[in-house]
Amino acid sequence: MKLNEFTIGETFKTKSFQLSKEAIMEFAHTFDPQYMHIDEAKANAGRFNGIIASGIHTLAISFKLWVEEGKYGEDVIAGTGMNNVKFIRPVYPDDELYTVIKVIDKKDRKDNNGILTVRLTTFNDEDNKVFKADLSALIKNDSQS
């Protein structure tokens, strides 16, 4: 979608994504090798009573789900920023996540592009909020607008 096709306040809901313990541990071994993500014995004895996903993993899944909705399509040029990132609740193995996206801002630029800002809010299968962030991207605009 072109920038001018998005409406402030518009919302989208993604499909779901189930997270396995193996996927959590594999991601964490590479990108966030802290005990609560990779060491079952320590994680079981810790605050969360088991392995939990890295917040960065939750962020990546949230973004993946949004991109797979196909709304940016070929009109996205590049990400420009992320603000107000909040890891709200732990994500556990076998949690099924989905993301609700709300268009919160859009700004035209003189170069026939603009900045679109969306709020990603991710929930688990019990509809508990687990993650939230505002994401901005440079998007093509319709030359007719």
Protein backbone atom coordinates (compact mmCIF):
# COMPACT_ATOMS: atom_id res chain seq x y z
CA MET A 1 0.00 0.00 0.00
CA LYS A 2 1.15 3.52 -0.70
CA LEU A 3 1.38 6.02 2.15
CA ASN A 4 -1.78 7.82 1.07
CA GLU A 5 -3.75 4.53 1.22
CA PHE A 6 -3.18 4.17 4.98
CA THR A 7 -5.56 5.95 7.37
CA ILE A 8 -4.63 7.08 10.87
CA GLY A 9 -6.52 4.89 13.32
CA GLU A 10 -6.80 2.00 10.85
CA THR A 11 -6.06 -1.40 12.41
CA PHE A 12 -4.98 -4.79 11.10
CA LYS A 13 -4.77 -8.17 12.86
CA THR A 14 -2.21 -10.77 11.82
CA LYS A 15 -2.41 -14.52 11.69
CA SER A 16 -1.00 -16.47 14.66
CA PHE A 17 2.47 -17.90 15.16
CA GLN A 18 3.23 -20.67 17.66
CA LEU A 19 6.62 -20.61 19.32
CA SER A 20 8.35 -23.88 20.23
CA LYS A 21 10.89 -24.33 23.01
CA GLU A 22 13.43 -25.42 20.41
CA ALA A 23 12.91 -22.22 18.41
CA ILE A 24 13.24 -20.10 21.56
CA MET A 25 16.49 -21.79 22.52
CA GLU A 26 17.94 -21.74 19.00
CA PHE A 27 17.26 -18.01 18.60
CA ALA A 28 18.66 -17.26 22.06
CA HIS A 29 21.84 -19.29 21.53
CA THR A 30 22.58 -17.07 18.53
CA PHE A 31 21.24 -13.67 19.58
CA ASP A 32 20.50 -13.53 23.34
CA PRO A 33 22.32 -16.31 25.23
CA GLN A 34 21.01 -15.57 28.70
CA TYR A 35 20.12 -18.41 31.08
CA MET A 36 16.35 -17.79 31.06
CA HIS A 37 16.32 -18.53 27.34
CA ILE A 38 18.80 -21.42 27.06
CA ASP A 39 19.35 -23.19 30.41
CA GLU A 40 16.29 -25.19 31.42
CA ALA A 41 17.50 -26.04 34.93
CA LYS A 42 18.33 -22.43 35.82
CA ALA A 43 15.19 -21.14 34.07
CA ASN A 44 12.99 -23.61 36.00
CA ALA A 45 14.49 -22.35 39.27
CA GLY A 46 14.18 -18.71 38.24
CA ARG A 47 11.49 -16.07 38.37
CA PHE A 48 9.56 -17.31 35.31
CA ASN A 49 9.48 -21.02 36.21
CA GLY A 50 10.83 -22.12 32.84
CA ILE A 51 12.34 -21.13 29.53
CA ILE A 52 11.02 -17.87 28.08
CA ALA A 53 11.56 -16.24 24.70
CA SER A 54 13.97 -13.37 24.31
CA GLY A 55 12.21 -10.04 24.00
CA ILE A 56 14.17 -9.50 20.79
CA HIS A 57 12.71 -12.78 19.48
CA THR A 58 9.20 -11.56 20.34
CA LEU A 59 9.93 -8.28 18.55
CA ALA A 60 11.18 -10.17 15.47
CA ILE A 61 8.09 -12.40 15.38
CA SER A 62 5.80 -9.39 15.76
CA PHE A 63 7.50 -7.67 12.84
CA LYS A 64 7.46 -10.87 10.74
CA LEU A 65 3.71 -11.23 11.29
CA TRP A 66 3.14 -7.60 10.23
CA VAL A 67 5.30 -7.90 7.11
CA GLU A 68 3.54 -11.13 6.12
CA GLU A 69 0.23 -9.24 6.08
CA GLY A 70 1.56 -7.74 2.85
CA LYS A 71 0.37 -4.18 3.48
CA TYR A 72 3.78 -2.64 2.79
CA GLY A 73 4.34 -4.81 -0.26
CA GLU A 74 6.79 -3.30 -2.74
CA ASP A 75 6.01 0.23 -1.48
CA VAL A 76 8.22 0.04 1.61
CA ILE A 77 11.67 1.57 1.16
CA ALA A 78 13.26 1.11 4.58
CA GLY A 79 12.61 1.11 8.28
CA THR A 80 13.48 4.43 9.91
CA GLY A 81 12.98 3.89 13.61
CA MET A 82 11.44 2.09 16.53
CA ASN A 83 10.21 3.80 19.69
CA ASN A 84 8.44 2.96 22.92
CA VAL A 85 9.52 -0.68 22.85
CA LYS A 86 7.97 -2.56 25.78
CA PHE A 87 8.37 -6.22 26.72
CA ILE A 88 5.24 -6.58 28.85
CA ARG A 89 4.92 -10.28 29.71
CA PRO A 90 7.11 -13.32 29.20
CA VAL A 91 6.48 -15.50 26.16
CA TYR A 92 6.64 -19.23 26.90
CA PRO A 93 7.13 -22.28 24.69
CA ASP A 94 3.94 -23.18 22.82
CA ASP A 95 2.48 -19.68 23.21
CA GLU A 96 0.63 -18.67 20.09
CA LEU A 97 1.24 -15.01 19.25
CA TYR A 98 -0.66 -12.58 17.05
CA THR A 99 -0.15 -8.88 16.47
CA VAL A 100 -2.58 -6.00 16.13
CA ILE A 101 -1.24 -3.11 14.10
CA LYS A 102 -2.62 0.42 14.39
CA VAL A 103 -1.64 3.27 12.07
CA ILE A 104 -0.73 6.11 14.44
CA ASP A 105 0.97 8.69 12.18
CA LYS A 106 1.90 9.47 8.60
CA LYS A 107 3.90 12.35 7.21
CA ASP A 108 4.32 13.29 3.56
CA ARG A 109 7.76 14.24 2.27
CA LYS A 110 8.62 16.27 -0.81
CA ASP A 111 10.32 13.34 -2.56
CA ASN A 112 7.05 11.44 -3.22
CA ASN A 113 7.67 9.33 -0.11
CA GLY A 114 6.57 9.60 3.47
CA ILE A 115 6.97 8.20 6.94
CA LEU A 116 4.33 5.78 8.19
CA THR A 117 4.28 4.98 11.92
CA VAL A 118 2.40 1.97 13.21
CA ARG A 119 1.97 0.59 16.72
CA LEU A 120 2.57 -3.15 16.95
CA THR A 121 0.84 -4.77 19.93
CA THR A 122 1.38 -8.49 20.33
CA PHE A 123 -0.81 -10.85 22.35
CA ASN A 124 -0.55 -14.50 23.38
CA ASP A 125 -3.29 -17.09 22.91
CA GLU A 126 -4.90 -16.01 26.20
CA ASP A 127 -5.18 -12.47 24.78
CA ASN A 128 -2.60 -11.15 27.24
CA LYS A 129 -0.49 -8.31 25.87
CA VAL A 130 3.16 -9.40 25.69
CA PHE A 131 4.84 -6.72 23.55
CA LYS A 132 4.31 -3.22 22.17
CA ALA A 133 6.39 -0.88 19.98
CA ASP A 134 5.97 1.98 17.54
CA LEU A 135 7.63 1.32 14.20
CA SER A 136 8.29 3.90 11.47
CA ALA A 137 9.09 3.19 7.83
CA LEU A 138 9.78 5.17 4.70
CA ILE A 139 6.97 4.34 2.24
CA LYS A 140 6.31 5.36 -1.35
CA ASN A 141 3.43 7.79 -1.83
CA ASP A 142 1.03 7.97 -4.74
CA SER A 143 2.20 10.72 -7.07
CA GLN A 144 -1.46 11.67 -7.63
CA SER A 145 -2.02 12.74 -4.00
